[in-house]
Amino acid sequence: MIKFVGIDLDGTLLNSQKRISQANLEAIYEMERKDIMVTFFTGRSWVAAKDYLSSISFDIPGVFQNGAYIATVKTREVLKKIVLSHEVAINVIKSSRRYGLFFVLFTNFTDIPDMVIESELPRNSKYMPYFDRNSYRIFKVEDVTKCVGEYVSEIAVIGSIKTIKKMNSELDLSDSTVVLNTLLGEEGFVEFFGHGCGKEKAMDFLLKRFAIKREETAFIGDSYNDLEVLKKIGHPIVMGNAPDELKKVARFITSTNDENGVATAARKYISKNM
């Protein structure tokens, strides 16, 4: 019996226009009416996700920045916050410079502007739509290290995945969590968080809080930062637009995010496992 459903945002609940379709919205409301707890698990920050929070009816905790920040969606009560230390942040920044990788410092979890850069935006990057959408959050400085306080929320590094992996092999990352958010061809979007981050750890936290079993839990996702949580719960549901690596762990493969995949999963799988 499914009692809890976690849903990723980008590539899952949101279509290519970054909107929630009416069909998906109605599917959420229908699950809630049947007393299923539904919430978001997203790599987005609170700032970038807040416009979608009204889709959830109840004041249930949402998971933001891959589990670095967990807060209730209505009252904004912070339940968990994992920060990246000053020392690790400085080391990642300096290493990214040496390898010629583009990087972004995220200074905090809730206030804007919060994305700090020191080089021009990578106009030839496949991630430029992301930077265009978040331009209101970005400010440029000469030296990003001067903006690193006692702690930050994260650092994102964008570039050749081979180069990023090589850089990581030379860093001491024992006090951090490295998350491959997405991979577009050979270009990766890799995020550095404090130790103990990850959607799977956030899921553990919420299931313990609500006394829900793994076999009573479903998760719907599409990208690499969803893989570990999909492996850990009883009902892994994977989008049709997801990489094959994720589809291998699915109990149900739904339609794509442009074909109301969440609504399809709710109708064809979740409703039959209640």
C-alpha atoms as a PDB file:
ATOM      1  CA  MET A   1       0.000   0.000   0.000  1.00  0.00           C
ATOM      2  CA  ILE A   2       1.452   3.357  -1.044  1.00  0.00           C
ATOM      3  CA  LYS A   3       1.153   6.042   1.625  1.00  0.00           C
ATOM      4  CA  PHE A   4       3.868   8.488   0.572  1.00  0.00           C
ATOM      5  CA  VAL A   5       4.881   9.818  -2.878  1.00  0.00           C
ATOM      6  CA  GLY A   6       7.953  11.940  -3.552  1.00  0.00           C
ATOM      7  CA  ILE A   7       8.019  13.744  -6.900  1.00  0.00           C
ATOM      8  CA  ASP A   8      10.964  15.384  -8.630  1.00  0.00           C
ATOM      9  CA  LEU A   9      10.292  18.699 -10.382  1.00  0.00           C
ATOM     10  CA  ASP A  10      12.413  19.329 -13.509  1.00  0.00           C
ATOM     11  CA  GLY A  11      11.985  16.639 -16.120  1.00  0.00           C
ATOM     12  CA  THR A  12       9.294  14.960 -14.026  1.00  0.00           C
ATOM     13  CA  LEU A  13       6.399  17.054 -12.757  1.00  0.00           C
ATOM     14  CA  LEU A  14       7.345  20.034 -14.924  1.00  0.00           C
ATOM     15  CA  ASN A  15       7.041  19.876 -18.706  1.00  0.00           C
ATOM     16  CA  SER A  16       9.549  21.360 -21.156  1.00  0.00           C
ATOM     17  CA  GLN A  17       8.035  24.809 -20.583  1.00  0.00           C
ATOM     18  CA  LYS A  18       8.662  24.408 -16.822  1.00  0.00           C
ATOM     19  CA  ARG A  19       4.949  24.245 -16.076  1.00  0.00           C
ATOM     20  CA  ILE A  20       2.759  21.780 -14.218  1.00  0.00           C
ATOM     21  CA  SER A  21       0.101  20.462 -16.570  1.00  0.00           C
ATOM     22  CA  GLN A  22      -3.520  20.432 -15.444  1.00  0.00           C
ATOM     23  CA  ALA A  23      -3.510  16.639 -15.645  1.00  0.00           C
ATOM     24  CA  ASN A  24      -0.511  16.392 -13.316  1.00  0.00           C
ATOM     25  CA  LEU A  25      -1.990  18.930 -10.933  1.00  0.00           C
ATOM     26  CA  GLU A  26      -5.257  16.997 -10.737  1.00  0.00           C
ATOM     27  CA  ALA A  27      -3.301  13.799 -10.143  1.00  0.00           C
ATOM     28  CA  ILE A  28      -1.629  15.355  -7.089  1.00  0.00           C
ATOM     29  CA  TYR A  29      -4.953  16.523  -5.686  1.00  0.00           C
ATOM     30  CA  GLU A  30      -6.504  13.103  -6.265  1.00  0.00           C
ATOM     31  CA  MET A  31      -3.665  11.358  -4.404  1.00  0.00           C
ATOM     32  CA  GLU A  32      -4.053  13.815  -1.531  1.00  0.00           C
ATOM     33  CA  ARG A  33      -7.810  13.175  -1.398  1.00  0.00           C
ATOM     34  CA  LYS A  34      -7.010   9.495  -0.969  1.00  0.00           C
ATOM     35  CA  ASP A  35      -4.809  10.348   2.045  1.00  0.00           C
ATOM     36  CA  ILE A  36      -1.513   9.812   0.255  1.00  0.00           C
ATOM     37  CA  MET A  37       1.190  12.191   1.422  1.00  0.00           C
ATOM     38  CA  VAL A  38       2.676  13.943  -1.620  1.00  0.00           C
ATOM     39  CA  THR A  39       5.662  16.266  -1.682  1.00  0.00           C
ATOM     40  CA  PHE A  40       8.538  17.522  -3.834  1.00  0.00           C
ATOM     41  CA  PHE A  41      12.114  16.268  -3.863  1.00  0.00           C
ATOM     42  CA  THR A  42      14.060  18.684  -6.024  1.00  0.00           C
ATOM     43  CA  GLY A  43      17.572  19.818  -6.811  1.00  0.00           C
ATOM     44  CA  ARG A  44      16.168  23.321  -6.995  1.00  0.00           C
ATOM     45  CA  SER A  45      16.615  25.767  -4.151  1.00  0.00           C
ATOM     46  CA  TRP A  46      13.632  27.034  -2.174  1.00  0.00           C
ATOM     47  CA  VAL A  47      13.863  30.253  -4.201  1.00  0.00           C
ATOM     48  CA  ALA A  48      13.650  28.439  -7.534  1.00  0.00           C
ATOM     49  CA  ALA A  49      10.915  26.028  -6.406  1.00  0.00           C
ATOM     50  CA  LYS A  50       8.614  28.298  -4.398  1.00  0.00           C
ATOM     51  CA  ASP A  51       6.335  29.179  -7.320  1.00  0.00           C
ATOM     52  CA  TYR A  52       5.293  25.514  -7.527  1.00  0.00           C
ATOM     53  CA  LEU A  53       4.653  24.911  -3.830  1.00  0.00           C
ATOM     54  CA  SER A  54       0.968  25.852  -4.036  1.00  0.00           C
ATOM     55  CA  SER A  55       0.496  22.586  -5.946  1.00  0.00           C
ATOM     56  CA  ILE A  56       0.783  20.803  -2.601  1.00  0.00           C
ATOM     57  CA  SER A  57      -2.308  21.229  -0.413  1.00  0.00           C
ATOM     58  CA  PHE A  58      -0.874  20.308   2.967  1.00  0.00           C
ATOM     59  CA  ASP A  59       1.945  21.813   5.019  1.00  0.00           C
ATOM     60  CA  ILE A  60       4.180  18.823   4.435  1.00  0.00           C
ATOM     61  CA  PRO A  61       7.984  19.092   4.298  1.00  0.00           C
ATOM     62  CA  GLY A  62       9.553  19.561   0.885  1.00  0.00           C
ATOM     63  CA  VAL A  63      13.103  18.581  -0.045  1.00  0.00           C
ATOM     64  CA  PHE A  64      15.234  21.235  -1.740  1.00  0.00           C
ATOM     65  CA  GLN A  65      18.788  21.356  -3.106  1.00  0.00           C
ATOM     66  CA  ASN A  66      19.009  17.566  -3.112  1.00  0.00           C
ATOM     67  CA  GLY A  67      18.255  17.326   0.590  1.00  0.00           C
ATOM     68  CA  ALA A  68      20.488  20.125   1.835  1.00  0.00           C
ATOM     69  CA  TYR A  69      17.370  22.042   2.873  1.00  0.00           C
ATOM     70  CA  ILE A  70      14.133  20.490   4.143  1.00  0.00           C
ATOM     71  CA  ALA A  71      11.275  22.790   5.096  1.00  0.00           C
ATOM     72  CA  THR A  72       7.482  22.736   5.266  1.00  0.00           C
ATOM     73  CA  VAL A  73       5.953  24.101   2.075  1.00  0.00           C
ATOM     74  CA  LYS A  74       3.422  26.455   3.697  1.00  0.00           C
ATOM     75  CA  THR A  75       4.810  27.715   6.999  1.00  0.00           C
ATOM     76  CA  ARG A  76       8.477  27.385   5.915  1.00  0.00           C
ATOM     77  CA  GLU A  77       9.489  25.657   9.119  1.00  0.00           C
ATOM     78  CA  VAL A  78      13.077  24.506   8.578  1.00  0.00           C
ATOM     79  CA  LEU A  79      13.506  20.884   9.622  1.00  0.00           C
ATOM     80  CA  LYS A  80      16.992  20.233   8.323  1.00  0.00           C
ATOM     81  CA  LYS A  81      19.817  22.273   6.841  1.00  0.00           C
ATOM     82  CA  ILE A  82      23.146  20.893   5.658  1.00  0.00           C
ATOM     83  CA  VAL A  83      25.853  23.420   4.845  1.00  0.00           C
ATOM     84  CA  LEU A  84      29.125  23.259   2.922  1.00  0.00           C
ATOM     85  CA  SER A  85      32.091  24.366   5.013  1.00  0.00           C
ATOM     86  CA  HIS A  86      34.264  27.357   4.206  1.00  0.00           C
ATOM     87  CA  GLU A  87      37.348  25.176   3.736  1.00  0.00           C
ATOM     88  CA  VAL A  88      35.759  22.745   1.283  1.00  0.00           C
ATOM     89  CA  ALA A  89      34.111  25.579  -0.670  1.00  0.00           C
ATOM     90  CA  ILE A  90      37.437  27.382  -1.095  1.00  0.00           C
ATOM     91  CA  ASN A  91      39.179  24.191  -2.229  1.00  0.00           C
ATOM     92  CA  VAL A  92      36.486  23.420  -4.832  1.00  0.00           C
ATOM     93  CA  ILE A  93      36.622  26.975  -6.168  1.00  0.00           C
ATOM     94  CA  LYS A  94      40.422  26.989  -6.487  1.00  0.00           C
ATOM     95  CA  SER A  95      40.466  23.562  -8.138  1.00  0.00           C
ATOM     96  CA  SER A  96      37.725  24.583 -10.581  1.00  0.00           C
ATOM     97  CA  ARG A  97      39.827  27.587 -11.579  1.00  0.00           C
ATOM     98  CA  ARG A  98      42.898  25.418 -12.205  1.00  0.00           C
ATOM     99  CA  TYR A  99      40.896  23.078 -14.436  1.00  0.00           C
ATOM    100  CA  GLY A 100      39.205  25.905 -16.324  1.00  0.00           C
ATOM    101  CA  LEU A 101      35.727  24.830 -15.198  1.00  0.00           C
ATOM    102  CA  PHE A 102      32.807  27.200 -14.816  1.00  0.00           C
ATOM    103  CA  PHE A 103      31.472  27.311 -11.262  1.00  0.00           C
ATOM    104  CA  VAL A 104      28.744  29.002  -9.245  1.00  0.00           C
ATOM    105  CA  LEU A 105      28.780  29.716  -5.530  1.00  0.00           C
ATOM    106  CA  PHE A 106      25.363  29.481  -3.836  1.00  0.00           C
ATOM    107  CA  THR A 107      25.652  31.637  -0.735  1.00  0.00           C
ATOM    108  CA  ASN A 108      22.478  30.664   1.151  1.00  0.00           C
ATOM    109  CA  PHE A 109      19.184  28.759   0.976  1.00  0.00           C
ATOM    110  CA  THR A 110      16.422  31.377   0.840  1.00  0.00           C
ATOM    111  CA  ASP A 111      17.583  34.898  -0.038  1.00  0.00           C
ATOM    112  CA  ILE A 112      18.413  36.406  -3.424  1.00  0.00           C
ATOM    113  CA  PRO A 113      20.653  37.195  -5.191  1.00  0.00           C
ATOM    114  CA  ASP A 114      22.404  34.021  -4.107  1.00  0.00           C
ATOM    115  CA  MET A 115      24.378  32.770  -7.144  1.00  0.00           C
ATOM    116  CA  VAL A 116      27.883  34.258  -7.393  1.00  0.00           C
ATOM    117  CA  ILE A 117      30.124  33.926 -10.446  1.00  0.00           C
ATOM    118  CA  GLU A 118      33.492  35.444 -11.390  1.00  0.00           C
ATOM    119  CA  SER A 119      33.689  34.626 -15.089  1.00  0.00           C
ATOM    120  CA  GLU A 120      31.297  35.289 -17.936  1.00  0.00           C
ATOM    121  CA  LEU A 121      28.422  32.871 -18.377  1.00  0.00           C
ATOM    122  CA  PRO A 122      29.330  29.934 -20.665  1.00  0.00           C
ATOM    123  CA  ARG A 123      27.237  30.890 -23.686  1.00  0.00           C
ATOM    124  CA  ASN A 124      28.150  27.685 -25.534  1.00  0.00           C
ATOM    125  CA  SER A 125      26.979  25.519 -22.634  1.00  0.00           C
ATOM    126  CA  LYS A 126      23.932  23.290 -22.902  1.00  0.00           C
ATOM    127  CA  TYR A 127      22.985  24.655 -19.478  1.00  0.00           C
ATOM    128  CA  MET A 128      22.519  28.244 -20.642  1.00  0.00           C
ATOM    129  CA  PRO A 129      18.690  27.939 -20.417  1.00  0.00           C
ATOM    130  CA  TYR A 130      19.187  27.243 -16.698  1.00  0.00           C
ATOM    131  CA  PHE A 131      21.301  30.366 -16.262  1.00  0.00           C
ATOM    132  CA  ASP A 132      18.879  32.442 -18.307  1.00  0.00           C
ATOM    133  CA  ARG A 133      15.967  31.347 -16.087  1.00  0.00           C
ATOM    134  CA  ASN A 134      17.944  32.209 -12.978  1.00  0.00           C
ATOM    135  CA  SER A 135      19.534  35.451 -14.165  1.00  0.00           C
ATOM    136  CA  TYR A 136      17.723  37.412 -11.431  1.00  0.00           C
ATOM    137  CA  ARG A 137      19.674  35.403  -8.841  1.00  0.00           C
ATOM    138  CA  ILE A 138      23.138  35.882 -10.334  1.00  0.00           C
ATOM    139  CA  PHE A 139      25.735  38.522  -9.548  1.00  0.00           C
ATOM    140  CA  LYS A 140      29.320  38.717 -10.774  1.00  0.00           C
ATOM    141  CA  VAL A 141      32.408  39.546  -8.715  1.00  0.00           C
ATOM    142  CA  GLU A 142      36.155  39.566  -9.361  1.00  0.00           C
ATOM    143  CA  ASP A 143      36.950  36.952  -6.710  1.00  0.00           C
ATOM    144  CA  VAL A 144      34.269  34.513  -5.582  1.00  0.00           C
ATOM    145  CA  THR A 145      36.339  33.365  -2.591  1.00  0.00           C
ATOM    146  CA  LYS A 146      35.700  36.729  -0.932  1.00  0.00           C
ATOM    147  CA  CYS A 147      31.987  35.864  -0.863  1.00  0.00           C
ATOM    148  CA  VAL A 148      32.511  32.580   0.997  1.00  0.00           C
ATOM    149  CA  GLY A 149      31.369  32.979   4.580  1.00  0.00           C
ATOM    150  CA  GLU A 150      31.696  30.510   7.437  1.00  0.00           C
ATOM    151  CA  TYR A 151      29.564  28.227   5.292  1.00  0.00           C
ATOM    152  CA  VAL A 152      27.595  28.261   2.012  1.00  0.00           C
ATOM    153  CA  SER A 153      24.730  26.164   0.686  1.00  0.00           C
ATOM    154  CA  GLU A 154      26.553  24.649  -2.301  1.00  0.00           C
ATOM    155  CA  ILE A 155      28.888  25.048  -5.250  1.00  0.00           C
ATOM    156  CA  ALA A 156      27.902  23.913  -8.741  1.00  0.00           C
ATOM    157  CA  VAL A 157      30.549  23.058 -11.332  1.00  0.00           C
ATOM    158  CA  ILE A 158      29.647  22.827 -15.010  1.00  0.00           C
ATOM    159  CA  GLY A 159      31.825  21.405 -17.769  1.00  0.00           C
ATOM    160  CA  SER A 160      33.375  18.239 -19.159  1.00  0.00           C
ATOM    161  CA  ILE A 161      32.353  15.385 -16.891  1.00  0.00           C
ATOM    162  CA  LYS A 162      35.744  13.752 -17.417  1.00  0.00           C
ATOM    163  CA  THR A 163      37.509  16.900 -16.253  1.00  0.00           C
ATOM    164  CA  ILE A 164      35.239  17.246 -13.224  1.00  0.00           C
ATOM    165  CA  LYS A 165      35.884  13.638 -12.230  1.00  0.00           C
ATOM    166  CA  LYS A 166      39.629  14.174 -12.565  1.00  0.00           C
ATOM    167  CA  MET A 167      39.412  17.273 -10.383  1.00  0.00           C
ATOM    168  CA  ASN A 168      37.393  15.401  -7.777  1.00  0.00           C
ATOM    169  CA  SER A 169      39.962  12.613  -7.610  1.00  0.00           C
ATOM    170  CA  GLU A 170      42.497  15.170  -6.382  1.00  0.00           C
ATOM    171  CA  LEU A 171      40.236  16.773  -3.761  1.00  0.00           C
ATOM    172  CA  ASP A 172      39.530  15.695  -0.194  1.00  0.00           C
ATOM    173  CA  LEU A 173      35.750  15.409  -0.345  1.00  0.00           C
ATOM    174  CA  SER A 174      35.244  13.426   2.860  1.00  0.00           C
ATOM    175  CA  ASP A 175      33.334  16.331   4.428  1.00  0.00           C
ATOM    176  CA  SER A 176      31.065  16.887   1.436  1.00  0.00           C
ATOM    177  CA  THR A 177      28.523  15.231  -0.830  1.00  0.00           C
ATOM    178  CA  VAL A 178      29.030  15.310  -4.590  1.00  0.00           C
ATOM    179  CA  VAL A 179      25.856  14.995  -6.668  1.00  0.00           C
ATOM    180  CA  LEU A 180      25.688  14.537 -10.431  1.00  0.00           C
ATOM    181  CA  ASN A 181      22.569  16.557 -11.098  1.00  0.00           C
ATOM    182  CA  THR A 182      22.345  16.093 -14.856  1.00  0.00           C
ATOM    183  CA  LEU A 183      24.496  14.979 -17.750  1.00  0.00           C
ATOM    184  CA  LEU A 184      23.945  16.433 -21.219  1.00  0.00           C
ATOM    185  CA  GLY A 185      26.219  14.551 -23.541  1.00  0.00           C
ATOM    186  CA  GLU A 186      29.703  14.938 -22.080  1.00  0.00           C
ATOM    187  CA  GLU A 187      28.787  18.077 -20.155  1.00  0.00           C
ATOM    188  CA  GLY A 188      27.927  17.616 -16.508  1.00  0.00           C
ATOM    189  CA  PHE A 189      26.217  19.739 -13.871  1.00  0.00           C
ATOM    190  CA  VAL A 190      27.849  18.583 -10.637  1.00  0.00           C
ATOM    191  CA  GLU A 191      26.971  19.967  -7.207  1.00  0.00           C
ATOM    192  CA  PHE A 192      29.022  20.035  -4.016  1.00  0.00           C
ATOM    193  CA  PHE A 193      27.048  20.012  -0.762  1.00  0.00           C
ATOM    194  CA  GLY A 194      27.819  19.440   2.880  1.00  0.00           C
ATOM    195  CA  HIS A 195      28.282  15.923   4.211  1.00  0.00           C
ATOM    196  CA  GLY A 196      25.115  13.823   4.507  1.00  0.00           C
ATOM    197  CA  CYS A 197      23.212  15.325   1.604  1.00  0.00           C
ATOM    198  CA  GLY A 198      21.220  13.434  -1.050  1.00  0.00           C
ATOM    199  CA  LYS A 199      17.580  12.796  -1.864  1.00  0.00           C
ATOM    200  CA  GLU A 200      17.884   9.268  -0.485  1.00  0.00           C
ATOM    201  CA  LYS A 201      19.007  10.588   2.913  1.00  0.00           C
ATOM    202  CA  ALA A 202      16.222  13.158   2.856  1.00  0.00           C
ATOM    203  CA  MET A 203      13.786  10.325   2.188  1.00  0.00           C
ATOM    204  CA  ASP A 204      15.136   8.431   5.206  1.00  0.00           C
ATOM    205  CA  PHE A 205      14.605  11.546   7.309  1.00  0.00           C
ATOM    206  CA  LEU A 206      10.977  12.029   6.237  1.00  0.00           C
ATOM    207  CA  LEU A 207       9.982   8.373   6.455  1.00  0.00           C
ATOM    208  CA  LYS A 208      11.297   8.238  10.004  1.00  0.00           C
ATOM    209  CA  ARG A 209       9.475  11.471  10.857  1.00  0.00           C
ATOM    210  CA  PHE A 210       6.138  10.149   9.574  1.00  0.00           C
ATOM    211  CA  ALA A 211       6.685   6.497  10.570  1.00  0.00           C
ATOM    212  CA  ILE A 212       6.218   5.273   6.996  1.00  0.00           C
ATOM    213  CA  LYS A 213       7.854   2.127   5.660  1.00  0.00           C
ATOM    214  CA  ARG A 214       9.953   1.983   2.499  1.00  0.00           C
ATOM    215  CA  GLU A 215       7.551  -0.520   0.964  1.00  0.00           C
ATOM    216  CA  GLU A 216       4.768   2.061   1.446  1.00  0.00           C
ATOM    217  CA  THR A 217       6.710   4.698  -0.488  1.00  0.00           C
ATOM    218  CA  ALA A 218       6.823   5.702  -4.155  1.00  0.00           C
ATOM    219  CA  PHE A 219       9.151   8.120  -5.869  1.00  0.00           C
ATOM    220  CA  ILE A 220       8.860   9.550  -9.382  1.00  0.00           C
ATOM    221  CA  GLY A 221      12.052  10.841 -10.995  1.00  0.00           C
ATOM    222  CA  ASP A 222      13.999  11.267 -14.196  1.00  0.00           C
ATOM    223  CA  SER A 223      17.616  12.203 -13.547  1.00  0.00           C
ATOM    224  CA  TYR A 224      20.859  11.010 -11.992  1.00  0.00           C
ATOM    225  CA  ASN A 225      20.259  12.796  -8.688  1.00  0.00           C
ATOM    226  CA  ASP A 226      17.125  10.609  -8.322  1.00  0.00           C
ATOM    227  CA  LEU A 227      18.897   7.285  -8.789  1.00  0.00           C
ATOM    228  CA  GLU A 228      19.836   6.500  -5.191  1.00  0.00           C
ATOM    229  CA  VAL A 229      16.434   7.305  -3.753  1.00  0.00           C
ATOM    230  CA  LEU A 230      14.773   5.197  -6.470  1.00  0.00           C
ATOM    231  CA  LYS A 231      16.930   2.254  -5.390  1.00  0.00           C
ATOM    232  CA  LYS A 232      15.901   2.564  -1.751  1.00  0.00           C
ATOM    233  CA  ILE A 233      12.104   2.657  -1.819  1.00  0.00           C
ATOM    234  CA  GLY A 234       9.439   0.087  -2.555  1.00  0.00           C
ATOM    235  CA  HIS A 235       7.876   1.696  -5.609  1.00  0.00           C
ATOM    236  CA  PRO A 236      10.434   3.347  -7.919  1.00  0.00           C
ATOM    237  CA  ILE A 237       8.684   5.066 -10.839  1.00  0.00           C
ATOM    238  CA  VAL A 238      10.805   6.424 -13.683  1.00  0.00           C
ATOM    239  CA  MET A 239       9.882   8.897 -16.382  1.00  0.00           C
ATOM    240  CA  GLY A 240       9.902   7.931 -20.055  1.00  0.00           C
ATOM    241  CA  ASN A 241      12.436  10.712 -20.705  1.00  0.00           C
ATOM    242  CA  ALA A 242      14.904   9.346 -18.110  1.00  0.00           C
ATOM    243  CA  PRO A 243      18.295   7.779 -18.904  1.00  0.00           C
ATOM    244  CA  ASP A 244      18.377   3.993 -19.292  1.00  0.00           C
ATOM    245  CA  GLU A 245      20.366   3.651 -16.051  1.00  0.00           C
ATOM    246  CA  LEU A 246      17.337   4.849 -14.103  1.00  0.00           C
ATOM    247  CA  LYS A 247      14.875   2.748 -16.057  1.00  0.00           C
ATOM    248  CA  LYS A 248      16.751  -0.375 -14.973  1.00  0.00           C
ATOM    249  CA  VAL A 249      15.696   0.157 -11.349  1.00  0.00           C
ATOM    250  CA  ALA A 250      12.051   1.053 -12.086  1.00  0.00           C
ATOM    251  CA  ARG A 251       9.017  -0.974 -11.113  1.00  0.00           C
ATOM    252  CA  PHE A 252       7.002   1.199 -13.468  1.00  0.00           C
ATOM    253  CA  ILE A 253       8.114   3.357 -16.400  1.00  0.00           C
ATOM    254  CA  THR A 254       5.624   6.097 -17.076  1.00  0.00           C
ATOM    255  CA  SER A 255       5.245   8.489 -20.013  1.00  0.00           C
ATOM    256  CA  THR A 256       7.460  11.549 -20.497  1.00  0.00           C
ATOM    257  CA  ASN A 257       7.198  14.889 -18.709  1.00  0.00           C
ATOM    258  CA  ASP A 258       5.598  16.358 -21.845  1.00  0.00           C
ATOM    259  CA  GLU A 259       3.006  13.557 -21.824  1.00  0.00           C
ATOM    260  CA  ASN A 260       1.729  14.005 -18.250  1.00  0.00           C
ATOM    261  CA  GLY A 261       3.964  11.264 -16.880  1.00  0.00           C
ATOM    262  CA  VAL A 262       3.075  11.927 -13.245  1.00  0.00           C
ATOM    263  CA  ALA A 263      -0.651  11.674 -13.996  1.00  0.00           C
ATOM    264  CA  THR A 264      -0.074   8.457 -15.934  1.00  0.00           C
ATOM    265  CA  ALA A 265       1.875   6.961 -13.026  1.00  0.00           C
ATOM    266  CA  ALA A 266      -0.836   7.969 -10.556  1.00  0.00           C
ATOM    267  CA  ARG A 267      -3.565   6.451 -12.689  1.00  0.00           C
ATOM    268  CA  LYS A 268      -1.883   3.278 -13.916  1.00  0.00           C
ATOM    269  CA  TYR A 269       0.386   2.360 -11.020  1.00  0.00           C
ATOM    270  CA  ILE A 270      -0.143   4.256  -7.757  1.00  0.00           C
ATOM    271  CA  SER A 271      -3.939   3.870  -7.753  1.00  0.00           C
ATOM    272  CA  LYS A 272      -3.508   0.115  -8.120  1.00  0.00           C
ATOM    273  CA  ASN A 273      -1.082  -0.089  -5.178  1.00  0.00           C
ATOM    274  CA  MET A 274      -3.049   1.818  -2.574  1.00  0.00           C
END
